[in-house]
Amino acid sequence: MIAERLKAPCSKLQIAFTQNDYMGIGNRQIPLHHLYRCLDVLAEEQDFLKTYLFKVQQTLFSQELDVVFCDVTTLYFESQKEQEGSLRQKGYSKDHKTQVVLGLLIDKMRNPISYQIYQGNTRGKPCSII
């Protein structure tokens, strides 16, 4: 899924259709519901994965954190459906779209350090990422 997202970002459904393009999979198809289920496992382990990937990147690229930049942006959805307590909320944008807030930390070489996703109606507190 990661290779496909890097090559040509698309949905999990599209990834299920194009999985034969990758070496080692052969004729054996990974069922779509397994692709969705692995996201739950990744979500449960995201803190461990973020820390591990940060340490690998720091070693691999001799990363120094003398300067860190924080950027915050919103990602909106065409659907206007809101659910109480979910990340998708009507935000503070001028058109009040259903959105999420994405906070991203990068180093001075523009390499990502960490990220956090907040509810769409969050205002003023992102960048408490690490």
Protein backbone atom coordinates (compact mmCIF):
# COMPACT_ATOMS: atom_id res chain seq x y z
CA MET A 1 0.00 0.00 0.00
CA ILE A 2 2.84 2.40 0.79
CA ALA A 3 4.55 1.76 -2.55
CA GLU A 4 1.31 2.41 -4.41
CA ARG A 5 0.66 5.61 -2.44
CA LEU A 6 4.13 6.87 -3.36
CA LYS A 7 3.81 5.85 -7.00
CA ALA A 8 0.29 7.15 -7.65
CA PRO A 9 -1.90 8.11 -4.68
CA CYS A 10 -5.23 6.32 -4.86
CA SER A 11 -7.87 4.60 -2.75
CA LYS A 12 -7.49 1.25 -0.99
CA LEU A 13 -9.98 -0.16 -3.49
CA GLN A 14 -7.73 0.87 -6.39
CA ILE A 15 -4.72 -0.61 -4.60
CA ALA A 16 -6.59 -3.92 -4.39
CA PHE A 17 -7.07 -3.82 -8.18
CA THR A 18 -3.42 -3.01 -8.97
CA GLN A 19 -1.65 -5.29 -6.51
CA ASN A 20 -0.56 -7.72 -9.24
CA ASP A 21 1.80 -5.01 -10.53
CA TYR A 22 4.20 -5.76 -7.67
CA MET A 23 6.83 -8.49 -7.60
CA GLY A 24 6.33 -11.30 -5.14
CA ILE A 25 2.54 -11.18 -5.00
CA GLY A 26 2.01 -13.37 -8.07
CA ASN A 27 -1.50 -14.69 -8.56
CA ARG A 28 -2.36 -14.58 -4.87
CA GLN A 29 -4.63 -11.61 -4.18
CA ILE A 30 -4.74 -9.88 -0.82
CA PRO A 31 -8.45 -9.39 -0.04
CA LEU A 32 -9.62 -5.79 0.24
CA HIS A 33 -10.83 -6.24 3.82
CA HIS A 34 -7.25 -7.16 4.85
CA LEU A 35 -6.00 -3.86 3.42
CA TYR A 36 -8.57 -2.01 5.52
CA ARG A 37 -7.84 -4.07 8.65
CA CYS A 38 -4.11 -3.37 8.53
CA LEU A 39 -4.92 0.34 8.94
CA ASP A 40 -6.34 -0.39 12.40
CA VAL A 41 -3.12 -2.15 13.40
CA LEU A 42 -1.02 0.74 12.07
CA ALA A 43 -3.20 3.26 13.92
CA GLU A 44 -2.73 1.36 17.21
CA GLU A 45 1.05 1.32 16.72
CA GLN A 46 1.46 4.82 15.26
CA ASP A 47 3.44 6.25 18.21
CA PHE A 48 5.93 3.38 18.05
CA LEU A 49 6.16 3.66 14.23
CA LYS A 50 6.68 7.44 14.32
CA THR A 51 9.46 7.10 16.88
CA TYR A 52 11.13 4.24 15.02
CA LEU A 53 10.98 6.00 11.64
CA PHE A 54 12.29 9.21 13.17
CA LYS A 55 15.31 7.41 14.66
CA VAL A 56 16.04 5.60 11.37
CA GLN A 57 15.80 8.85 9.40
CA GLN A 58 17.96 10.70 11.93
CA THR A 59 20.69 8.07 11.61
CA LEU A 60 20.38 7.57 7.86
CA PHE A 61 20.47 11.26 6.95
CA SER A 62 22.55 12.58 9.88
CA GLN A 63 19.59 14.75 10.78
CA GLU A 64 20.20 17.61 13.20
CA LEU A 65 17.26 19.23 14.96
CA ASP A 66 18.69 22.67 15.61
CA VAL A 67 15.68 24.25 13.86
CA VAL A 68 12.18 22.78 13.63
CA PHE A 69 9.30 24.26 11.67
CA CYS A 70 5.62 23.64 12.29
CA ASP A 71 3.02 23.95 9.55
CA VAL A 72 -0.71 23.58 9.99
CA THR A 73 -3.19 23.09 7.18
CA THR A 74 -6.69 21.77 6.69
CA LEU A 75 -7.83 18.91 4.51
CA TYR A 76 -11.49 19.06 3.57
CA PHE A 77 -14.00 16.48 2.43
CA GLU A 78 -16.62 16.75 -0.28
CA SER A 79 -19.05 15.00 2.06
CA GLN A 80 -20.65 17.35 4.57
CA LYS A 81 -21.53 14.47 6.93
CA GLU A 82 -20.34 15.05 10.50
CA GLN A 83 -20.27 12.53 13.35
CA GLU A 84 -19.99 13.68 16.93
CA GLY A 85 -16.52 12.97 18.32
CA SER A 86 -14.98 12.09 14.94
CA LEU A 87 -12.07 13.93 13.35
CA ARG A 88 -14.22 15.28 10.51
CA GLN A 89 -15.88 18.44 11.80
CA LYS A 90 -17.11 21.70 10.32
CA GLY A 91 -14.10 23.96 10.59
CA TYR A 92 -13.24 27.61 10.88
CA SER A 93 -12.66 28.10 7.16
CA LYS A 94 -14.63 30.81 5.39
CA ASP A 95 -16.83 28.23 3.66
CA HIS A 96 -17.27 26.02 6.80
CA LYS A 97 -16.43 22.76 5.06
CA THR A 98 -16.15 19.43 6.84
CA GLN A 99 -12.42 19.06 7.42
CA VAL A 100 -9.53 17.78 9.53
CA VAL A 101 -6.53 19.81 10.71
CA LEU A 102 -3.06 18.46 9.89
CA GLY A 103 -0.03 19.61 11.90
CA LEU A 104 3.39 18.78 10.46
CA LEU A 105 6.88 19.22 11.92
CA ILE A 106 9.80 19.48 9.49
CA ASP A 107 13.52 20.08 9.89
CA LYS A 108 15.52 22.81 8.14
CA MET A 109 16.11 20.47 5.17
CA ARG A 110 12.31 20.08 4.77
CA ASN A 111 12.31 16.46 5.93
CA PRO A 112 9.23 15.46 7.92
CA ILE A 113 9.76 14.77 11.61
CA SER A 114 6.26 14.04 12.83
CA TYR A 115 2.62 14.84 12.23
CA GLN A 116 -0.65 14.90 14.10
CA ILE A 117 -4.23 15.04 12.88
CA TYR A 118 -6.76 17.06 14.86
CA GLN A 119 -10.51 17.55 14.69
CA GLY A 120 -11.61 19.93 11.96
CA ASN A 121 -12.96 22.45 14.45
CA THR A 122 -9.61 22.72 16.30
CA ARG A 123 -8.24 26.21 16.62
CA GLY A 124 -5.03 27.45 18.19
CA LYS A 125 -3.47 24.31 19.68
CA PRO A 126 -1.77 22.30 16.88
CA CYS A 127 2.03 21.97 16.97
CA SER A 128 1.92 20.03 20.22
CA ILE A 129 2.97 17.15 17.99
CA ILE A 130 5.97 15.61 19.73
